[in-house]
Amino acid sequence: MQNRLLELLQNDVSNHINKALVNVDGQLKSYPIFKTTSSGFKVTKYVYLDDIQAQGQIQTVSLLDSSGNTLATKSLNIKKGDSGLLIAFELEVKVEVSS
């Protein structure tokens, strides 16, 4: 029974994530979710910046819902040049029942 609850919660969390907001050299740029994978009760959302996008200092990446609310933020300190960059957010859903 708890496994089904975890599946429902995992799908719900995954469906709320709509796009990413990347802070490059102090400027915010919106990017689509490149790929989503699931394994067990983990959902991984990937944001891909290709070789010409977002060149500069990557400071933060945030996952947003369709209303623009921040759901998760990752602080980074990556100097991106002219090669691609794949950023992963691994989200794990857990349920604990108290008696």
PDB file of N, CA and C in Angstrom:
ATOM      1  N   MET A   1       0.824  -1.187   0.000  1.00  0.00           N
ATOM      2  CA  MET A   1       0.000   0.000   0.000  1.00  0.00           C
ATOM      3  C   MET A   1       0.869   1.253   0.000  1.00  0.00           C
ATOM      4  N   GLN A   2       1.935   1.295   0.796  1.00  0.00           N
ATOM      5  CA  GLN A   2       2.793   2.476   0.831  1.00  0.00           C
ATOM      6  C   GLN A   2       3.535   2.649  -0.484  1.00  0.00           C
ATOM      7  N   ASN A   3       3.853   1.526  -1.167  1.00  0.00           N
ATOM      8  CA  ASN A   3       4.526   1.649  -2.456  1.00  0.00           C
ATOM      9  C   ASN A   3       3.645   2.390  -3.453  1.00  0.00           C
ATOM     10  N   ARG A   4       2.351   2.134  -3.441  1.00  0.00           N
ATOM     11  CA  ARG A   4       1.437   2.831  -4.354  1.00  0.00           C
ATOM     12  C   ARG A   4       1.389   4.330  -4.022  1.00  0.00           C
ATOM     13  N   LEU A   5       1.371   4.650  -2.735  1.00  0.00           N
ATOM     14  CA  LEU A   5       1.385   6.051  -2.319  1.00  0.00           C
ATOM     15  C   LEU A   5       2.661   6.735  -2.807  1.00  0.00           C
ATOM     16  N   LEU A   6       3.782   6.059  -2.689  1.00  0.00           N
ATOM     17  CA  LEU A   6       5.051   6.618  -3.160  1.00  0.00           C
ATOM     18  C   LEU A   6       5.023   6.857  -4.671  1.00  0.00           C
ATOM     19  N   GLU A   7       4.450   5.917  -5.414  1.00  0.00           N
ATOM     20  CA  GLU A   7       4.342   6.091  -6.862  1.00  0.00           C
ATOM     21  C   GLU A   7       3.498   7.315  -7.204  1.00  0.00           C
ATOM     22  N   LEU A   8       2.370   7.470  -6.518  1.00  0.00           N
ATOM     23  CA  LEU A   8       1.499   8.618  -6.767  1.00  0.00           C
ATOM     24  C   LEU A   8       2.204   9.927  -6.446  1.00  0.00           C
ATOM     25  N   LEU A   9       2.901   9.974  -5.312  1.00  0.00           N
ATOM     26  CA  LEU A   9       3.622  11.183  -4.918  1.00  0.00           C
ATOM     27  C   LEU A   9       4.750  11.491  -5.892  1.00  0.00           C
ATOM     28  N   GLN A  10       5.466  10.466  -6.324  1.00  0.00           N
ATOM     29  CA  GLN A  10       6.562  10.631  -7.274  1.00  0.00           C
ATOM     30  C   GLN A  10       6.033  11.225  -8.584  1.00  0.00           C
ATOM     31  N   ASN A  11       4.949  10.691  -9.093  1.00  0.00           N
ATOM     32  CA  ASN A  11       4.363  11.202 -10.337  1.00  0.00           C
ATOM     33  C   ASN A  11       3.871  12.632 -10.166  1.00  0.00           C
ATOM     34  N   ASP A  12       3.271  12.917  -9.016  1.00  0.00           N
ATOM     35  CA  ASP A  12       2.758  14.258  -8.762  1.00  0.00           C
ATOM     36  C   ASP A  12       3.893  15.281  -8.730  1.00  0.00           C
ATOM     37  N   VAL A  13       4.957  14.962  -8.013  1.00  0.00           N
ATOM     38  CA  VAL A  13       6.117  15.859  -7.940  1.00  0.00           C
ATOM     39  C   VAL A  13       6.693  16.074  -9.338  1.00  0.00           C
ATOM     40  N   SER A  14       6.870  14.998 -10.071  1.00  0.00           N
ATOM     41  CA  SER A  14       7.453  15.085 -11.408  1.00  0.00           C
ATOM     42  C   SER A  14       6.596  15.934 -12.337  1.00  0.00           C
ATOM     43  N   ASN A  15       5.279  15.787 -12.256  1.00  0.00           N
ATOM     44  CA  ASN A  15       4.377  16.525 -13.147  1.00  0.00           C
ATOM     45  C   ASN A  15       4.320  18.016 -12.841  1.00  0.00           C
ATOM     46  N   HIS A  16       4.665  18.413 -11.632  1.00  0.00           N
ATOM     47  CA  HIS A  16       4.644  19.835 -11.278  1.00  0.00           C
ATOM     48  C   HIS A  16       5.841  20.598 -11.833  1.00  0.00           C
ATOM     49  N   ILE A  17       6.925  19.900 -12.133  1.00  0.00           N
ATOM     50  CA  ILE A  17       8.135  20.568 -12.621  1.00  0.00           C
ATOM     51  C   ILE A  17       7.983  20.860 -14.104  1.00  0.00           C
ATOM     52  N   ASN A  18       8.004  22.140 -14.445  1.00  0.00           N
ATOM     53  CA  ASN A  18       7.672  22.587 -15.785  1.00  0.00           C
ATOM     54  C   ASN A  18       8.880  23.045 -16.600  1.00  0.00           C
ATOM     55  N   LYS A  19       9.836  23.712 -15.939  1.00  0.00           N
ATOM     56  CA  LYS A  19      11.006  24.256 -16.644  1.00  0.00           C
ATOM     57  C   LYS A  19      12.093  24.572 -15.632  1.00  0.00           C
ATOM     58  N   ALA A  20      13.227  25.056 -16.145  1.00  0.00           N
ATOM     59  CA  ALA A  20      14.350  25.440 -15.284  1.00  0.00           C
ATOM     60  C   ALA A  20      14.691  26.904 -15.512  1.00  0.00           C
ATOM     61  N   LEU A  21      15.197  27.526 -14.466  1.00  0.00           N
ATOM     62  CA  LEU A  21      15.675  28.902 -14.543  1.00  0.00           C
ATOM     63  C   LEU A  21      17.152  28.871 -14.162  1.00  0.00           C
ATOM     64  N   VAL A  22      18.006  29.316 -15.080  1.00  0.00           N
ATOM     65  CA  VAL A  22      19.451  29.243 -14.895  1.00  0.00           C
ATOM     66  C   VAL A  22      20.006  30.655 -14.737  1.00  0.00           C
ATOM     67  N   ASN A  23      20.812  30.848 -13.684  1.00  0.00           N
ATOM     68  CA  ASN A  23      21.467  32.126 -13.436  1.00  0.00           C
ATOM     69  C   ASN A  23      22.860  32.057 -14.056  1.00  0.00           C
ATOM     70  N   VAL A  24      23.047  32.823 -15.142  1.00  0.00           N
ATOM     71  CA  VAL A  24      24.329  32.866 -15.855  1.00  0.00           C
ATOM     72  C   VAL A  24      24.846  34.295 -15.788  1.00  0.00           C
ATOM     73  N   ASP A  25      25.972  34.471 -15.132  1.00  0.00           N
ATOM     74  CA  ASP A  25      26.574  35.802 -14.983  1.00  0.00           C
ATOM     75  C   ASP A  25      25.559  36.825 -14.442  1.00  0.00           C
ATOM     76  N   GLY A  26      24.709  36.375 -13.523  1.00  0.00           N
ATOM     77  CA  GLY A  26      23.740  37.271 -12.905  1.00  0.00           C
ATOM     78  C   GLY A  26      22.466  37.490 -13.704  1.00  0.00           C
ATOM     79  N   GLN A  27      22.348  36.880 -14.876  1.00  0.00           N
ATOM     80  CA  GLN A  27      21.144  37.001 -15.690  1.00  0.00           C
ATOM     81  C   GLN A  27      20.371  35.687 -15.656  1.00  0.00           C
ATOM     82  N   LEU A  28      19.053  35.772 -15.477  1.00  0.00           N
ATOM     83  CA  LEU A  28      18.209  34.586 -15.418  1.00  0.00           C
ATOM     84  C   LEU A  28      17.694  34.229 -16.801  1.00  0.00           C
ATOM     85  N   LYS A  29      17.862  32.948 -17.164  1.00  0.00           N
ATOM     86  CA  LYS A  29      17.399  32.465 -18.459  1.00  0.00           C
ATOM     87  C   LYS A  29      16.592  31.190 -18.240  1.00  0.00           C
ATOM     88  N   SER A  30      15.480  31.083 -18.953  1.00  0.00           N
ATOM     89  CA  SER A  30      14.588  29.935 -18.833  1.00  0.00           C
ATOM     90  C   SER A  30      14.984  28.839 -19.832  1.00  0.00           C
ATOM     91  N   TYR A  31      14.947  27.583 -19.389  1.00  0.00           N
ATOM     92  CA  TYR A  31      15.269  26.432 -20.236  1.00  0.00           C
ATOM     93  C   TYR A  31      14.257  25.325 -19.995  1.00  0.00           C
ATOM     94  N   PRO A  32      13.963  24.546 -21.020  1.00  0.00           N
ATOM     95  CA  PRO A  32      13.034  23.428 -20.842  1.00  0.00           C
ATOM     96  C   PRO A  32      13.704  22.276 -20.090  1.00  0.00           C
ATOM     97  N   ILE A  33      12.879  21.406 -19.549  1.00  0.00           N
ATOM     98  CA  ILE A  33      13.399  20.165 -18.976  1.00  0.00           C
ATOM     99  C   ILE A  33      13.814  19.294 -20.155  1.00  0.00           C
ATOM    100  N   PHE A  34      15.052  18.867 -20.155  1.00  0.00           N
ATOM    101  CA  PHE A  34      15.611  18.107 -21.276  1.00  0.00           C
ATOM    102  C   PHE A  34      15.128  16.659 -21.252  1.00  0.00           C
ATOM    103  N   LYS A  35      15.107  16.071 -20.040  1.00  0.00           N
ATOM    104  CA  LYS A  35      14.786  14.653 -19.926  1.00  0.00           C
ATOM    105  C   LYS A  35      14.376  14.374 -18.487  1.00  0.00           C
ATOM    106  N   THR A  36      13.523  13.367 -18.317  1.00  0.00           N
ATOM    107  CA  THR A  36      13.110  12.910 -16.990  1.00  0.00           C
ATOM    108  C   THR A  36      13.282  11.403 -16.935  1.00  0.00           C
ATOM    109  N   THR A  37      13.907  10.908 -15.864  1.00  0.00           N
ATOM    110  CA  THR A  37      14.017   9.466 -15.663  1.00  0.00           C
ATOM    111  C   THR A  37      13.508   9.127 -14.266  1.00  0.00           C
ATOM    112  N   SER A  38      13.070   7.878 -14.112  1.00  0.00           N
ATOM    113  CA  SER A  38      12.616   7.382 -12.811  1.00  0.00           C
ATOM    114  C   SER A  38      13.293   6.059 -12.534  1.00  0.00           C
ATOM    115  N   SER A  39      13.683   5.881 -11.283  1.00  0.00           N
ATOM    116  CA  SER A  39      14.278   4.623 -10.848  1.00  0.00           C
ATOM    117  C   SER A  39      13.885   4.427  -9.395  1.00  0.00           C
ATOM    118  N   GLY A  40      13.147   3.348  -9.139  1.00  0.00           N
ATOM    119  CA  GLY A  40      12.654   3.156  -7.785  1.00  0.00           C
ATOM    120  C   GLY A  40      11.742   4.305  -7.426  1.00  0.00           C
ATOM    121  N   PHE A  41      12.048   4.983  -6.336  1.00  0.00           N
ATOM    122  CA  PHE A  41      11.245   6.132  -5.919  1.00  0.00           C
ATOM    123  C   PHE A  41      12.009   7.440  -6.104  1.00  0.00           C
ATOM    124  N   LYS A  42      12.935   7.429  -7.055  1.00  0.00           N
ATOM    125  CA  LYS A  42      13.692   8.624  -7.397  1.00  0.00           C
ATOM    126  C   LYS A  42      13.285   9.107  -8.779  1.00  0.00           C
ATOM    127  N   VAL A  43      13.144  10.402  -8.902  1.00  0.00           N
ATOM    128  CA  VAL A  43      12.893  11.056 -10.189  1.00  0.00           C
ATOM    129  C   VAL A  43      14.087  11.957 -10.444  1.00  0.00           C
ATOM    130  N   THR A  44      14.641  11.876 -11.638  1.00  0.00           N
ATOM    131  CA  THR A  44      15.748  12.759 -11.999  1.00  0.00           C
ATOM    132  C   THR A  44      15.313  13.625 -13.157  1.00  0.00           C
ATOM    133  N   LYS A  45      15.426  14.940 -12.961  1.00  0.00           N
ATOM    134  CA  LYS A  45      15.111  15.922 -13.988  1.00  0.00           C
ATOM    135  C   LYS A  45      16.431  16.474 -14.513  1.00  0.00           C
ATOM    136  N   TYR A  46      16.574  16.503 -15.831  1.00  0.00           N
ATOM    137  CA  TYR A  46      17.798  16.977 -16.467  1.00  0.00           C
ATOM    138  C   TYR A  46      17.535  18.279 -17.228  1.00  0.00           C
ATOM    139  N   VAL A  47      18.469  19.195 -17.092  1.00  0.00           N
ATOM    140  CA  VAL A  47      18.461  20.452 -17.843  1.00  0.00           C
ATOM    141  C   VAL A  47      19.731  20.439 -18.680  1.00  0.00           C
ATOM    142  N   TYR A  48      19.594  20.649 -19.983  1.00  0.00           N
ATOM    143  CA  TYR A  48      20.756  20.627 -20.868  1.00  0.00           C
ATOM    144  C   TYR A  48      20.977  21.998 -21.486  1.00  0.00           C
ATOM    145  N   LEU A  49      22.188  22.484 -21.322  1.00  0.00           N
ATOM    146  CA  LEU A  49      22.609  23.732 -21.953  1.00  0.00           C
ATOM    147  C   LEU A  49      23.575  23.353 -23.071  1.00  0.00           C
ATOM    148  N   ASP A  50      23.197  23.613 -24.314  1.00  0.00           N
ATOM    149  CA  ASP A  50      24.050  23.160 -25.416  1.00  0.00           C
ATOM    150  C   ASP A  50      25.295  24.033 -25.558  1.00  0.00           C
ATOM    151  N   ASP A  51      26.053  23.784 -26.589  1.00  0.00           N
ATOM    152  CA  ASP A  51      27.363  24.427 -26.726  1.00  0.00           C
ATOM    153  C   ASP A  51      27.305  25.932 -26.934  1.00  0.00           C
ATOM    154  N   ILE A  52      26.158  26.480 -27.347  1.00  0.00           N
ATOM    155  CA  ILE A  52      26.090  27.928 -27.548  1.00  0.00           C
ATOM    156  C   ILE A  52      25.237  28.647 -26.505  1.00  0.00           C
ATOM    157  N   GLN A  53      24.506  27.889 -25.696  1.00  0.00           N
ATOM    158  CA  GLN A  53      23.655  28.493 -24.677  1.00  0.00           C
ATOM    159  C   GLN A  53      24.453  28.772 -23.409  1.00  0.00           C
ATOM    160  N   ALA A  54      24.080  29.821 -22.733  1.00  0.00           N
ATOM    161  CA  ALA A  54      24.523  30.083 -21.363  1.00  0.00           C
ATOM    162  C   ALA A  54      26.025  30.010 -21.173  1.00  0.00           C
ATOM    163  N   GLN A  55      26.781  30.668 -22.007  1.00  0.00           N
ATOM    164  CA  GLN A  55      28.219  30.700 -21.784  1.00  0.00           C
ATOM    165  C   GLN A  55      28.515  31.725 -20.700  1.00  0.00           C
ATOM    166  N   GLY A  56      29.290  31.312 -19.713  1.00  0.00           N
ATOM    167  CA  GLY A  56      29.629  32.187 -18.599  1.00  0.00           C
ATOM    168  C   GLY A  56      29.595  31.420 -17.297  1.00  0.00           C
ATOM    169  N   GLN A  57      29.468  32.148 -16.204  1.00  0.00           N
ATOM    170  CA  GLN A  57      29.483  31.560 -14.867  1.00  0.00           C
ATOM    171  C   GLN A  57      28.071  31.113 -14.488  1.00  0.00           C
ATOM    172  N   ILE A  58      27.885  29.803 -14.343  1.00  0.00           N
ATOM    173  CA  ILE A  58      26.594  29.259 -13.923  1.00  0.00           C
ATOM    174  C   ILE A  58      26.577  29.310 -12.399  1.00  0.00           C
ATOM    175  N   GLN A  59      25.636  30.074 -11.841  1.00  0.00           N
ATOM    176  CA  GLN A  59      25.591  30.280 -10.392  1.00  0.00           C
ATOM    177  C   GLN A  59      24.513  29.449  -9.707  1.00  0.00           C
ATOM    178  N   THR A  60      23.319  29.426 -10.270  1.00  0.00           N
ATOM    179  CA  THR A  60      22.231  28.612  -9.715  1.00  0.00           C
ATOM    180  C   THR A  60      21.367  28.071 -10.843  1.00  0.00           C
ATOM    181  N   VAL A  61      20.714  26.962 -10.546  1.00  0.00           N
ATOM    182  CA  VAL A  61      19.703  26.394 -11.433  1.00  0.00           C
ATOM    183  C   VAL A  61      18.510  26.051 -10.553  1.00  0.00           C
ATOM    184  N   SER A  62      17.333  26.502 -10.963  1.00  0.00           N
ATOM    185  CA  SER A  62      16.118  26.240 -10.195  1.00  0.00           C
ATOM    186  C   SER A  62      15.107  25.518 -11.066  1.00  0.00           C
ATOM    187  N   LEU A  63      14.347  24.620 -10.454  1.00  0.00           N
ATOM    188  CA  LEU A  63      13.227  23.973 -11.122  1.00  0.00           C
ATOM    189  C   LEU A  63      11.967  24.744 -10.755  1.00  0.00           C
ATOM    190  N   LEU A  64      11.142  25.036 -11.764  1.00  0.00           N
ATOM    191  CA  LEU A  64       9.948  25.850 -11.559  1.00  0.00           C
ATOM    192  C   LEU A  64       8.690  25.083 -11.955  1.00  0.00           C
ATOM    193  N   ASP A  65       7.568  25.459 -11.331  1.00  0.00           N
ATOM    194  CA  ASP A  65       6.288  24.929 -11.769  1.00  0.00           C
ATOM    195  C   ASP A  65       5.724  25.827 -12.869  1.00  0.00           C
ATOM    196  N   SER A  66       4.537  25.499 -13.360  1.00  0.00           N
ATOM    197  CA  SER A  66       3.965  26.256 -14.486  1.00  0.00           C
ATOM    198  C   SER A  66       3.607  27.689 -14.119  1.00  0.00           C
ATOM    199  N   SER A  67       3.483  27.996 -12.818  1.00  0.00           N
ATOM    200  CA  SER A  67       3.194  29.362 -12.379  1.00  0.00           C
ATOM    201  C   SER A  67       4.460  30.165 -12.104  1.00  0.00           C
ATOM    202  N   GLY A  68       5.624  29.540 -12.267  1.00  0.00           N
ATOM    203  CA  GLY A  68       6.888  30.232 -12.030  1.00  0.00           C
ATOM    204  C   GLY A  68       7.393  30.143 -10.601  1.00  0.00           C
ATOM    205  N   ASN A  69       6.741  29.322  -9.770  1.00  0.00           N
ATOM    206  CA  ASN A  69       7.199  29.129  -8.391  1.00  0.00           C
ATOM    207  C   ASN A  69       8.415  28.219  -8.356  1.00  0.00           C
ATOM    208  N   THR A  70       9.399  28.562  -7.542  1.00  0.00           N
ATOM    209  CA  THR A  70      10.609  27.743  -7.402  1.00  0.00           C
ATOM    210  C   THR A  70      10.302  26.520  -6.552  1.00  0.00           C
ATOM    211  N   LEU A  71      10.630  25.339  -7.080  1.00  0.00           N
ATOM    212  CA  LEU A  71      10.393  24.083  -6.375  1.00  0.00           C
ATOM    213  C   LEU A  71      11.681  23.500  -5.802  1.00  0.00           C
ATOM    214  N   ALA A  72      12.793  23.730  -6.463  1.00  0.00           N
ATOM    215  CA  ALA A  72      14.093  23.240  -5.989  1.00  0.00           C
ATOM    216  C   ALA A  72      15.173  24.104  -6.622  1.00  0.00           C
ATOM    217  N   THR A  73      16.237  24.361  -5.865  1.00  0.00           N
ATOM    218  CA  THR A  73      17.354  25.172  -6.366  1.00  0.00           C
ATOM    219  C   THR A  73      18.667  24.477  -6.045  1.00  0.00           C
ATOM    220  N   LYS A  74      19.554  24.531  -7.010  1.00  0.00           N
ATOM    221  CA  LYS A  74      20.893  23.968  -6.854  1.00  0.00           C
ATOM    222  C   LYS A  74      21.896  25.093  -7.070  1.00  0.00           C
ATOM    223  N   SER A  75      22.754  25.331  -6.075  1.00  0.00           N
ATOM    224  CA  SER A  75      23.821  26.323  -6.212  1.00  0.00           C
ATOM    225  C   SER A  75      25.006  25.678  -6.902  1.00  0.00           C
ATOM    226  N   LEU A  76      25.543  26.374  -7.883  1.00  0.00           N
ATOM    227  CA  LEU A  76      26.688  25.870  -8.644  1.00  0.00           C
ATOM    228  C   LEU A  76      27.719  26.978  -8.777  1.00  0.00           C
ATOM    229  N   ASN A  77      28.914  26.598  -9.144  1.00  0.00           N
ATOM    230  CA  ASN A  77      29.962  27.557  -9.452  1.00  0.00           C
ATOM    231  C   ASN A  77      30.752  26.962 -10.619  1.00  0.00           C
ATOM    232  N   ILE A  78      30.118  26.988 -11.796  1.00  0.00           N
ATOM    233  CA  ILE A  78      30.689  26.346 -12.972  1.00  0.00           C
ATOM    234  C   ILE A  78      30.907  27.395 -14.054  1.00  0.00           C
ATOM    235  N   LYS A  79      32.093  27.429 -14.585  1.00  0.00           N
ATOM    236  CA  LYS A  79      32.395  28.303 -15.727  1.00  0.00           C
ATOM    237  C   LYS A  79      32.106  27.496 -16.982  1.00  0.00           C
ATOM    238  N   LYS A  80      31.049  27.881 -17.703  1.00  0.00           N
ATOM    239  CA  LYS A  80      30.670  27.152 -18.910  1.00  0.00           C
ATOM    240  C   LYS A  80      31.208  27.873 -20.128  1.00  0.00           C
ATOM    241  N   GLY A  81      31.958  27.140 -20.903  1.00  0.00           N
ATOM    242  CA  GLY A  81      32.492  27.675 -22.150  1.00  0.00           C
ATOM    243  C   GLY A  81      31.612  27.272 -23.314  1.00  0.00           C
ATOM    244  N   ASP A  82      32.234  26.786 -24.389  1.00  0.00           N
ATOM    245  CA  ASP A  82      31.486  26.460 -25.601  1.00  0.00           C
ATOM    246  C   ASP A  82      31.183  24.969 -25.735  1.00  0.00           C
ATOM    247  N   SER A  83      31.175  24.243 -24.626  1.00  0.00           N
ATOM    248  CA  SER A  83      30.748  22.843 -24.661  1.00  0.00           C
ATOM    249  C   SER A  83      29.427  22.725 -23.899  1.00  0.00           C
ATOM    250  N   GLY A  84      28.701  21.639 -24.159  1.00  0.00           N
ATOM    251  CA  GLY A  84      27.401  21.435 -23.518  1.00  0.00           C
ATOM    252  C   GLY A  84      27.540  21.120 -22.032  1.00  0.00           C
ATOM    253  N   LEU A  85      26.453  21.324 -21.302  1.00  0.00           N
ATOM    254  CA  LEU A  85      26.433  21.059 -19.866  1.00  0.00           C
ATOM    255  C   LEU A  85      25.092  20.426 -19.511  1.00  0.00           C
ATOM    256  N   LEU A  86      25.131  19.273 -18.852  1.00  0.00           N
ATOM    257  CA  LEU A  86      23.939  18.575 -18.402  1.00  0.00           C
ATOM    258  C   LEU A  86      23.870  18.689 -16.882  1.00  0.00           C
ATOM    259  N   ILE A  87      22.773  19.228 -16.373  1.00  0.00           N
ATOM    260  CA  ILE A  87      22.594  19.427 -14.936  1.00  0.00           C
ATOM    261  C   ILE A  87      21.466  18.515 -14.487  1.00  0.00           C
ATOM    262  N   ALA A  88      21.709  17.728 -13.432  1.00  0.00           N
ATOM    263  CA  ALA A  88      20.715  16.762 -12.952  1.00  0.00           C
ATOM    264  C   ALA A  88      20.215  17.142 -11.566  1.00  0.00           C
ATOM    265  N   PHE A  89      18.918  17.016 -11.378  1.00  0.00           N
ATOM    266  CA  PHE A  89      18.274  17.141 -10.074  1.00  0.00           C
ATOM    267  C   PHE A  89      17.694  15.779  -9.742  1.00  0.00           C
ATOM    268  N   GLU A  90      18.229  15.118  -8.728  1.00  0.00           N
ATOM    269  CA  GLU A  90      17.690  13.833  -8.303  1.00  0.00           C
ATOM    270  C   GLU A  90      16.783  14.063  -7.099  1.00  0.00           C
ATOM    271  N   LEU A  91      15.522  13.731  -7.264  1.00  0.00           N
ATOM    272  CA  LEU A  91      14.523  13.927  -6.220  1.00  0.00           C
ATOM    273  C   LEU A  91      14.042  12.565  -5.739  1.00  0.00           C
ATOM    274  N   GLU A  92      14.074  12.346  -4.434  1.00  0.00           N
ATOM    275  CA  GLU A  92      13.648  11.078  -3.870  1.00  0.00           C
ATOM    276  C   GLU A  92      12.435  11.318  -2.965  1.00  0.00           C
ATOM    277  N   VAL A  93      11.418  10.490  -3.172  1.00  0.00           N
ATOM    278  CA  VAL A  93      10.190  10.591  -2.381  1.00  0.00           C
ATOM    279  C   VAL A  93      10.216   9.507  -1.312  1.00  0.00           C
ATOM    280  N   LYS A  94       9.942   9.908  -0.069  1.00  0.00           N
ATOM    281  CA  LYS A  94       9.903   8.968   1.059  1.00  0.00           C
ATOM    282  C   LYS A  94       8.617   9.187   1.844  1.00  0.00           C
ATOM    283  N   VAL A  95       8.059   8.105   2.359  1.00  0.00           N
ATOM    284  CA  VAL A  95       6.883   8.179   3.216  1.00  0.00           C
ATOM    285  C   VAL A  95       7.176   7.411   4.490  1.00  0.00           C
ATOM    286  N   GLU A  96       6.933   8.053   5.621  1.00  0.00           N
ATOM    287  CA  GLU A  96       7.081   7.395   6.914  1.00  0.00           C
ATOM    288  C   GLU A  96       5.746   7.482   7.639  1.00  0.00           C
ATOM    289  N   VAL A  97       5.306   6.363   8.184  1.00  0.00           N
ATOM    290  CA  VAL A  97       4.044   6.326   8.906  1.00  0.00           C
ATOM    291  C   VAL A  97       4.349   6.142  10.386  1.00  0.00           C
ATOM    292  N   SER A  98       3.876   7.076  11.188  1.00  0.00           N
ATOM    293  CA  SER A  98       4.059   6.992  12.640  1.00  0.00           C
ATOM    294  C   SER A  98       2.916   6.198  13.242  1.00  0.00           C
ATOM    295  N   SER A  99       3.229   5.460  14.272  1.00  0.00           N
ATOM    296  CA  SER A  99       2.141   4.702  14.928  1.00  0.00           C
ATOM    297  C   SER A  99       1.768   5.307  16.257  1.00  0.00           C
TER     298      SER A  99
END
